Amino acid sequence: MKKVLVVDDDRNICELLKLYLQKEGFETLFAYDGSEAVTVAKEQEPDIIILDVMMPIINGWEACKLIRQF
């Protein structure tokens, strides 16, 4: 099963995406800020990441740069 990491500080958006992604057969992982996204991406190695840009702690652009390092 392919893993998708959804990163957004709006939990309602995450839940909505979860419904659609799981219906299509994806394992869905979540992070609610950029810092958590980096940690989850390192640990879980998702196949794809859906990343919000405007988030607390570390914004989406910075999280993307950090994730690309590994």
C-alpha atoms as a PDB file:
ATOM      1  CA  MET A   1       0.000   0.000   0.000  1.00  0.00           C
ATOM      2  CA  LYS A   2       1.356   3.437  -0.927  1.00  0.00           C
ATOM      3  CA  LYS A   3       1.838   5.921   1.922  1.00  0.00           C
ATOM      4  CA  VAL A   4       0.756   9.551   1.708  1.00  0.00           C
ATOM      5  CA  LEU A   5       1.815  12.130   4.289  1.00  0.00           C
ATOM      6  CA  VAL A   6      -0.722  14.949   4.599  1.00  0.00           C
ATOM      7  CA  VAL A   7       0.674  18.047   6.300  1.00  0.00           C
ATOM      8  CA  ASP A   8      -1.739  20.813   7.265  1.00  0.00           C
ATOM      9  CA  ASP A   9      -2.488  22.692  10.477  1.00  0.00           C
ATOM     10  CA  ASP A  10      -6.232  22.520   9.703  1.00  0.00           C
ATOM     11  CA  ARG A  11      -7.375  19.154  11.041  1.00  0.00           C
ATOM     12  CA  ASN A  12     -10.670  19.337   9.122  1.00  0.00           C
ATOM     13  CA  ILE A  13      -8.787  19.448   5.822  1.00  0.00           C
ATOM     14  CA  CYS A  14      -6.685  16.489   6.955  1.00  0.00           C
ATOM     15  CA  GLU A  15      -9.779  14.452   7.793  1.00  0.00           C
ATOM     16  CA  LEU A  16     -11.392  15.266   4.459  1.00  0.00           C
ATOM     17  CA  LEU A  17      -8.256  14.237   2.553  1.00  0.00           C
ATOM     18  CA  LYS A  18      -8.052  11.083   4.658  1.00  0.00           C
ATOM     19  CA  LEU A  19     -11.523  10.018   3.510  1.00  0.00           C
ATOM     20  CA  TYR A  20     -10.648  10.459  -0.164  1.00  0.00           C
ATOM     21  CA  LEU A  21      -7.168   8.930   0.034  1.00  0.00           C
ATOM     22  CA  GLN A  22      -8.179   5.872   2.050  1.00  0.00           C
ATOM     23  CA  LYS A  23     -11.099   5.267  -0.302  1.00  0.00           C
ATOM     24  CA  GLU A  24      -8.516   5.061  -3.119  1.00  0.00           C
ATOM     25  CA  GLY A  25      -6.394   2.600  -1.139  1.00  0.00           C
ATOM     26  CA  PHE A  26      -3.655   4.828   0.279  1.00  0.00           C
ATOM     27  CA  GLU A  27      -2.255   4.535   3.784  1.00  0.00           C
ATOM     28  CA  THR A  28      -2.599   8.054   5.172  1.00  0.00           C
ATOM     29  CA  LEU A  29      -0.192   9.659   7.630  1.00  0.00           C
ATOM     30  CA  PHE A  30      -0.601  13.105   9.185  1.00  0.00           C
ATOM     31  CA  ALA A  31       1.470  15.969  10.538  1.00  0.00           C
ATOM     32  CA  TYR A  32       0.000  19.237  11.770  1.00  0.00           C
ATOM     33  CA  ASP A  33       3.028  21.528  11.485  1.00  0.00           C
ATOM     34  CA  GLY A  34       6.275  21.666   9.535  1.00  0.00           C
ATOM     35  CA  SER A  35       8.446  20.332  12.331  1.00  0.00           C
ATOM     36  CA  GLU A  36       6.241  17.287  12.804  1.00  0.00           C
ATOM     37  CA  ALA A  37       6.228  16.787   9.011  1.00  0.00           C
ATOM     38  CA  VAL A  38      10.014  16.474   8.940  1.00  0.00           C
ATOM     39  CA  THR A  39       9.958  13.934  11.776  1.00  0.00           C
ATOM     40  CA  VAL A  40       7.175  11.817  10.270  1.00  0.00           C
ATOM     41  CA  ALA A  41       8.788  11.900   6.817  1.00  0.00           C
ATOM     42  CA  LYS A  42      12.101  10.633   8.258  1.00  0.00           C
ATOM     43  CA  GLU A  43      10.455   7.859  10.263  1.00  0.00           C
ATOM     44  CA  GLN A  44       7.769   6.680   7.843  1.00  0.00           C
ATOM     45  CA  GLU A  45       9.317   7.392   4.406  1.00  0.00           C
ATOM     46  CA  PRO A  46       6.052   8.235   2.598  1.00  0.00           C
ATOM     47  CA  ASP A  47       5.729   7.793  -1.154  1.00  0.00           C
ATOM     48  CA  ILE A  48       4.259  11.274  -1.549  1.00  0.00           C
ATOM     49  CA  ILE A  49       3.719  14.329   0.664  1.00  0.00           C
ATOM     50  CA  ILE A  50       0.845  16.789   0.396  1.00  0.00           C
ATOM     51  CA  LEU A  51       2.227  19.870   2.119  1.00  0.00           C
ATOM     52  CA  ASP A  52       0.487  23.098   3.121  1.00  0.00           C
ATOM     53  CA  VAL A  53       2.688  26.169   2.767  1.00  0.00           C
ATOM     54  CA  MET A  54       1.349  28.369   5.577  1.00  0.00           C
ATOM     55  CA  MET A  55       1.844  26.511   8.864  1.00  0.00           C
ATOM     56  CA  PRO A  56       3.118  27.247  12.363  1.00  0.00           C
ATOM     57  CA  ILE A  57       6.605  26.434  13.719  1.00  0.00           C
ATOM     58  CA  ILE A  58       8.197  25.646  10.321  1.00  0.00           C
ATOM     59  CA  ASN A  59       6.370  26.764   7.169  1.00  0.00           C
ATOM     60  CA  GLY A  60       5.805  24.390   4.269  1.00  0.00           C
ATOM     61  CA  TRP A  61       8.655  25.759   2.141  1.00  0.00           C
ATOM     62  CA  GLU A  62      11.203  25.268   4.911  1.00  0.00           C
ATOM     63  CA  ALA A  63       9.815  21.806   5.757  1.00  0.00           C
ATOM     64  CA  CYS A  64      10.155  20.837   2.093  1.00  0.00           C
ATOM     65  CA  LYS A  65      13.806  21.965   2.051  1.00  0.00           C
ATOM     66  CA  LEU A  66      14.559  19.940   5.195  1.00  0.00           C
ATOM     67  CA  ILE A  67      12.781  16.830   3.887  1.00  0.00           C
ATOM     68  CA  ARG A  68      14.653  17.004   0.576  1.00  0.00           C
ATOM     69  CA  GLN A  69      17.952  16.777   2.477  1.00  0.00           C
ATOM     70  CA  PHE A  70      17.268  13.099   3.183  1.00  0.00           C
END
